[in-house]
Amino acid sequence: MSKPKARISFTVDGKKCSAAPGQTILQAAKDNGIYIPALCRWEGFKPAGACRVCTVRVGGRYMAACTQPVTDGMAVENDVPDLQDMRKALIEMLFVEGNHMCPTCEKSGNCELQALAYRFLMLVPRFPFQFPARRVEPAGKKILLEHNRCIKCLRCVRGVRTRDNKAVFGTLRRSRDKKISVDQVLASALTDKQARQAMDRCPVGSILKKEVGFAVPIGRRKYDKEPIGSDVEKARG
C-alpha cells in the first residue's frame, strides 16, 4: 500500500499554512481560513483564470491563485495594499464596461460582483463609464441572457451542460468584443432545476430564469446576512 504524499508547507502573508499536493493557491488558502476573492471560479470546474481578481504575488511575480499550484516553501503575498488596490481596480473596470443597475437587478443581494464592491468599499469608479449598447436575449424556454451584466467569467461556458454533456453556452469573437452565445435548442431542453442552477452559477445577474424575478426579499438575501468571504475567514478564525 502506497504511503500518502506529504503535506506541503507554505506561507500567505507570513502565516504558516499547509496544503495537499496538487492544490492551487486559492484552494489551499481557503482550507487555511484565508480568503482570496475570485469571480470566475466554481467548485468542480476546471480553473480558467479569466477574471484575475484572485491575483497574488510570489517571488515578485503576479499569478492567478486559482490556477497556480502550491509548491513547498512558497511565500504568497495576498492581503497587501497594492494587490488589494489592483483587485479593486479590476472590480471597478467590470462595473464601468457593462451596464450594472444594482437596485433594479434580480440578483441584487446574491451578486458576487456587488458583494466584492462592498468588500472593497467601492464608491465612484476611477474609470469612465462606457455605457455599451447591449441587449437582453431570450435563451430557450427557461432562461434569459442579460448581456448588460455579463462579466465574461465563462462559468456558464464551462459548467452549464445537458445530460449528454453538450455545452449550452459558448463564446463569440475575442478580447473586448467577446460575447457569450447560447444554443437555443439545447437551452430549451434544460429542466427547471438545470435552469435554476445556470442562474445560480452566474456570479452576476446575466443568466436569469424566466418567471422568477425578485424571489428573495431584502434582508434575507445571501450577502444581506454576511459579507462575501466571511465563511472562509471564520472557518479557521
Protein backbone atom coordinates (compact mmCIF):
# COMPACT_ATOMS: atom_id res chain seq x y z
CA MET A 1 0.00 0.00 0.00
CA SER A 2 1.46 3.35 -1.07
CA LYS A 3 2.12 6.00 1.54
CA PRO A 4 0.10 9.23 1.36
CA LYS A 5 2.05 12.14 -0.06
CA ALA A 6 3.49 14.56 2.47
CA ARG A 7 1.75 17.86 3.10
CA ILE A 8 3.23 20.97 1.51
CA SER A 9 4.31 23.86 3.74
CA PHE A 10 3.92 27.43 2.50
CA THR A 11 3.04 30.89 3.84
CA VAL A 12 0.44 33.51 2.99
CA ASP A 13 1.38 37.00 4.19
CA GLY A 14 3.74 35.35 6.68
CA LYS A 15 1.12 32.95 8.08
CA LYS A 16 2.28 29.33 8.07
CA CYS A 17 -0.04 27.08 6.08
CA SER A 18 -0.15 23.55 4.73
CA ALA A 19 -1.62 22.11 1.58
CA ALA A 20 -2.27 18.79 -0.09
CA PRO A 21 -0.14 18.07 -3.17
CA GLY A 22 -1.80 19.42 -6.31
CA GLN A 23 -3.88 22.10 -4.59
CA THR A 24 -3.93 25.56 -6.08
CA ILE A 25 -3.03 28.61 -4.00
CA LEU A 26 -6.70 29.60 -3.83
CA GLN A 27 -7.85 26.14 -2.65
CA ALA A 28 -5.07 25.82 -0.09
CA ALA A 29 -5.61 29.35 1.23
CA LYS A 30 -9.32 28.62 1.70
CA ASP A 31 -8.51 25.43 3.64
CA ASN A 32 -6.32 27.54 5.92
CA GLY A 33 -9.04 30.13 6.55
CA ILE A 34 -7.62 32.76 4.21
CA TYR A 35 -9.94 34.45 1.72
CA ILE A 36 -8.77 35.24 -1.81
CA PRO A 37 -11.51 36.80 -3.98
CA ALA A 38 -12.40 35.19 -7.31
CA LEU A 39 -15.29 35.64 -9.73
CA CYS A 40 -14.62 33.00 -12.39
CA ARG A 41 -14.00 30.04 -10.08
CA TRP A 42 -16.66 27.47 -9.21
CA GLU A 43 -16.04 24.32 -7.21
CA GLY A 44 -15.76 21.37 -9.56
CA PHE A 45 -14.96 23.43 -12.68
CA LYS A 46 -11.53 23.41 -14.25
CA PRO A 47 -9.81 26.72 -13.31
CA ALA A 48 -9.79 29.30 -16.10
CA GLY A 49 -8.02 32.37 -14.67
CA ALA A 50 -10.50 34.54 -16.55
CA CYS A 51 -11.26 37.32 -14.06
CA ARG A 52 -7.79 37.79 -12.46
CA VAL A 53 -9.37 39.12 -9.26
CA CYS A 54 -7.54 36.33 -7.41
CA THR A 55 -4.12 37.63 -8.47
CA VAL A 56 -1.42 37.15 -5.82
CA ARG A 57 2.33 37.72 -5.83
CA VAL A 58 5.00 35.08 -5.35
CA GLY A 59 8.68 35.97 -5.56
CA GLY A 60 7.84 39.28 -7.19
CA ARG A 61 5.73 37.63 -9.89
CA TYR A 62 1.99 38.11 -10.29
CA MET A 63 -0.08 34.98 -10.84
CA ALA A 64 -3.67 33.76 -10.71
CA ALA A 65 -4.23 31.96 -7.40
CA CYS A 66 -6.94 29.78 -8.94
CA THR A 67 -4.58 28.15 -11.47
CA GLN A 68 -1.16 28.19 -9.76
CA PRO A 69 -0.33 25.03 -7.74
CA VAL A 70 1.23 25.43 -4.32
CA THR A 71 4.89 24.41 -4.00
CA ASP A 72 6.87 23.67 -0.87
CA GLY A 73 8.29 26.81 0.74
CA MET A 74 6.21 29.16 -1.42
CA ALA A 75 5.71 32.62 0.11
CA VAL A 76 2.46 34.14 -1.13
CA GLU A 77 1.52 37.82 -0.84
CA ASN A 78 -2.24 38.29 -0.74
CA ASP A 79 -3.61 40.91 1.66
CA VAL A 80 -1.22 43.76 0.84
CA PRO A 81 -2.21 47.31 -0.18
CA ASP A 82 -1.07 47.29 -3.82
CA LEU A 83 -2.69 43.94 -4.60
CA GLN A 84 -5.92 44.96 -2.90
CA ASP A 85 -5.97 48.20 -4.90
CA MET A 86 -5.37 46.25 -8.11
CA ARG A 87 -8.31 43.97 -7.29
CA LYS A 88 -10.48 46.98 -6.55
CA ALA A 89 -9.48 48.48 -9.91
CA LEU A 90 -10.45 45.23 -11.68
CA ILE A 91 -13.85 45.29 -9.97
CA GLU A 92 -14.33 48.93 -10.96
CA MET A 93 -13.49 48.07 -14.57
CA LEU A 94 -16.09 45.31 -14.58
CA PHE A 95 -18.68 47.84 -13.45
CA VAL A 96 -17.83 50.58 -15.97
CA GLU A 97 -17.53 48.30 -19.00
CA GLY A 98 -21.05 46.97 -18.51
CA ASN A 99 -24.40 48.44 -17.57
CA HIS A 100 -24.94 47.40 -13.94
CA MET A 101 -28.03 48.79 -12.21
CA CYS A 102 -27.87 47.05 -8.83
CA PRO A 103 -31.10 48.46 -7.30
CA THR A 104 -33.20 47.00 -10.13
CA CYS A 105 -31.28 43.75 -10.66
CA GLU A 106 -32.93 40.45 -9.74
CA LYS A 107 -29.56 39.17 -8.44
CA SER A 108 -29.00 42.12 -6.07
CA GLY A 109 -28.01 40.79 -2.66
CA ASN A 110 -26.90 37.49 -4.21
CA CYS A 111 -24.43 39.01 -6.69
CA GLU A 112 -20.75 38.26 -6.12
CA LEU A 113 -19.58 41.32 -8.08
CA GLN A 114 -21.81 43.58 -5.98
CA ALA A 115 -20.61 41.88 -2.78
CA LEU A 116 -16.97 42.42 -3.73
CA ALA A 117 -17.68 46.08 -4.47
CA TYR A 118 -18.99 46.40 -0.91
CA ARG A 119 -15.99 44.50 0.48
CA PHE A 120 -13.55 46.77 -1.31
CA LEU A 121 -15.55 49.90 -0.38
CA MET A 122 -16.06 50.90 -4.00
CA LEU A 123 -17.81 54.25 -4.28
CA VAL A 124 -17.12 56.12 -7.54
CA PRO A 125 -15.05 54.12 -10.08
CA ARG A 126 -11.77 55.72 -11.15
CA PHE A 127 -12.57 54.88 -14.79
CA PRO A 128 -15.16 56.50 -17.08
CA PHE A 129 -18.38 54.58 -17.73
CA GLN A 130 -18.54 53.13 -21.24
CA PHE A 131 -22.31 52.53 -21.48
CA PRO A 132 -22.05 49.85 -24.20
CA ALA A 133 -25.09 49.06 -26.32
CA ARG A 134 -26.18 45.59 -25.22
CA ARG A 135 -29.49 43.80 -25.15
CA VAL A 136 -31.46 41.15 -23.37
CA GLU A 137 -31.55 37.88 -25.32
CA PRO A 138 -34.02 35.03 -24.87
CA ALA A 139 -32.20 31.74 -24.32
CA GLY A 140 -34.67 28.97 -24.99
CA LYS A 141 -37.84 28.42 -23.00
CA LYS A 142 -36.47 28.72 -19.48
CA ILE A 143 -33.81 31.46 -19.26
CA LEU A 144 -32.83 34.95 -20.41
CA LEU A 145 -29.37 36.33 -21.15
CA GLU A 146 -28.89 39.88 -19.81
CA HIS A 147 -25.73 40.89 -21.69
CA ASN A 148 -25.57 44.26 -19.91
CA ARG A 149 -24.44 42.50 -16.72
CA CYS A 150 -22.15 39.82 -18.20
CA ILE A 151 -18.54 39.93 -16.93
CA LYS A 152 -17.35 37.10 -19.25
CA CYS A 153 -16.19 34.90 -16.40
CA LEU A 154 -17.03 31.81 -18.52
CA ARG A 155 -18.66 29.91 -15.64
CA CYS A 156 -21.67 29.24 -17.87
CA VAL A 157 -19.50 28.03 -20.75
CA ARG A 158 -17.63 25.60 -18.51
CA GLY A 159 -20.43 24.47 -16.25
CA VAL A 160 -23.85 24.52 -17.90
CA ARG A 161 -24.29 21.32 -19.87
CA THR A 162 -27.05 18.98 -20.92
CA ARG A 163 -27.42 15.43 -19.59
CA ASP A 164 -25.34 14.14 -22.51
CA ASN A 165 -22.58 16.71 -21.69
CA LYS A 166 -23.21 19.16 -24.52
CA ALA A 167 -22.26 22.78 -23.78
CA VAL A 168 -25.28 25.10 -23.72
CA PHE A 169 -23.20 28.29 -23.79
CA GLY A 170 -20.21 29.33 -25.88
CA THR A 171 -18.32 32.46 -26.90
CA LEU A 172 -18.29 34.65 -29.99
CA ARG A 173 -15.42 36.91 -31.05
CA ARG A 174 -12.44 37.79 -28.84
CA SER A 175 -10.97 40.41 -26.50
CA ARG A 176 -13.26 43.36 -25.71
CA ASP A 177 -15.74 42.15 -28.36
CA LYS A 178 -16.16 38.73 -26.75
CA LYS A 179 -19.79 37.79 -26.20
CA ILE A 180 -21.50 34.83 -24.58
CA SER A 181 -23.62 32.87 -27.05
CA VAL A 182 -26.26 30.25 -26.38
CA ASP A 183 -27.52 27.21 -28.27
CA GLN A 184 -31.26 27.88 -28.34
CA VAL A 185 -32.19 24.21 -28.87
CA LEU A 186 -30.05 22.95 -26.00
CA ALA A 187 -31.18 25.79 -23.74
CA SER A 188 -34.81 24.88 -24.40
CA ALA A 189 -34.05 21.31 -23.30
CA LEU A 190 -32.89 22.40 -19.82
CA THR A 191 -35.06 21.29 -16.93
CA ASP A 192 -36.33 23.81 -14.36
CA LYS A 193 -33.65 22.60 -11.96
CA GLN A 194 -30.89 23.00 -14.56
CA ALA A 195 -32.13 26.48 -15.47
CA ARG A 196 -32.02 27.49 -11.79
CA GLN A 197 -28.51 26.04 -11.47
CA ALA A 198 -27.41 28.07 -14.50
CA MET A 199 -28.73 31.23 -12.83
CA ASP A 200 -27.03 30.36 -9.54
CA ARG A 201 -23.69 29.63 -11.19
CA CYS A 202 -23.59 33.05 -12.82
CA PRO A 203 -21.82 35.40 -10.34
CA VAL A 204 -23.89 38.37 -11.54
CA GLY A 205 -27.41 38.79 -12.94
CA SER A 206 -26.62 37.84 -16.52
CA ILE A 207 -28.41 34.47 -16.60
CA LEU A 208 -31.97 34.72 -15.33
CA LYS A 209 -34.58 32.01 -15.02
CA LYS A 210 -37.83 33.21 -16.53
CA GLU A 211 -40.77 33.96 -14.25
CA VAL A 212 -38.65 34.09 -11.08
CA GLY A 213 -37.89 37.78 -10.55
CA PHE A 214 -37.25 39.03 -7.04
CA ALA A 215 -37.79 35.73 -5.24
CA VAL A 216 -35.93 36.57 -2.01
CA PRO A 217 -36.88 39.72 -0.06
CA ILE A 218 -34.31 42.31 1.04
CA GLY A 219 -32.79 41.32 4.35
CA ARG A 220 -32.81 37.59 3.62
CA ARG A 221 -30.57 37.55 0.56
CA LYS A 222 -27.20 35.77 0.69
CA TYR A 223 -24.98 38.81 1.23
CA ASP A 224 -27.50 40.60 3.42
CA LYS A 225 -26.67 38.02 6.10
CA GLU A 226 -22.86 38.20 5.98
CA PRO A 227 -20.28 39.70 3.59
CA ILE A 228 -18.55 37.72 0.88
CA GLY A 229 -15.57 35.70 2.14
CA SER A 230 -16.65 35.73 5.78
CA ASP A 231 -17.40 31.99 5.73
CA VAL A 232 -13.80 31.27 4.70
CA GLU A 233 -12.24 33.67 7.18
CA LYS A 234 -14.31 32.35 10.09
CA ALA A 235 -13.53 28.71 9.25
CA ARG A 236 -10.08 28.87 10.83
CA GLY A 237 -10.73 32.12 12.76
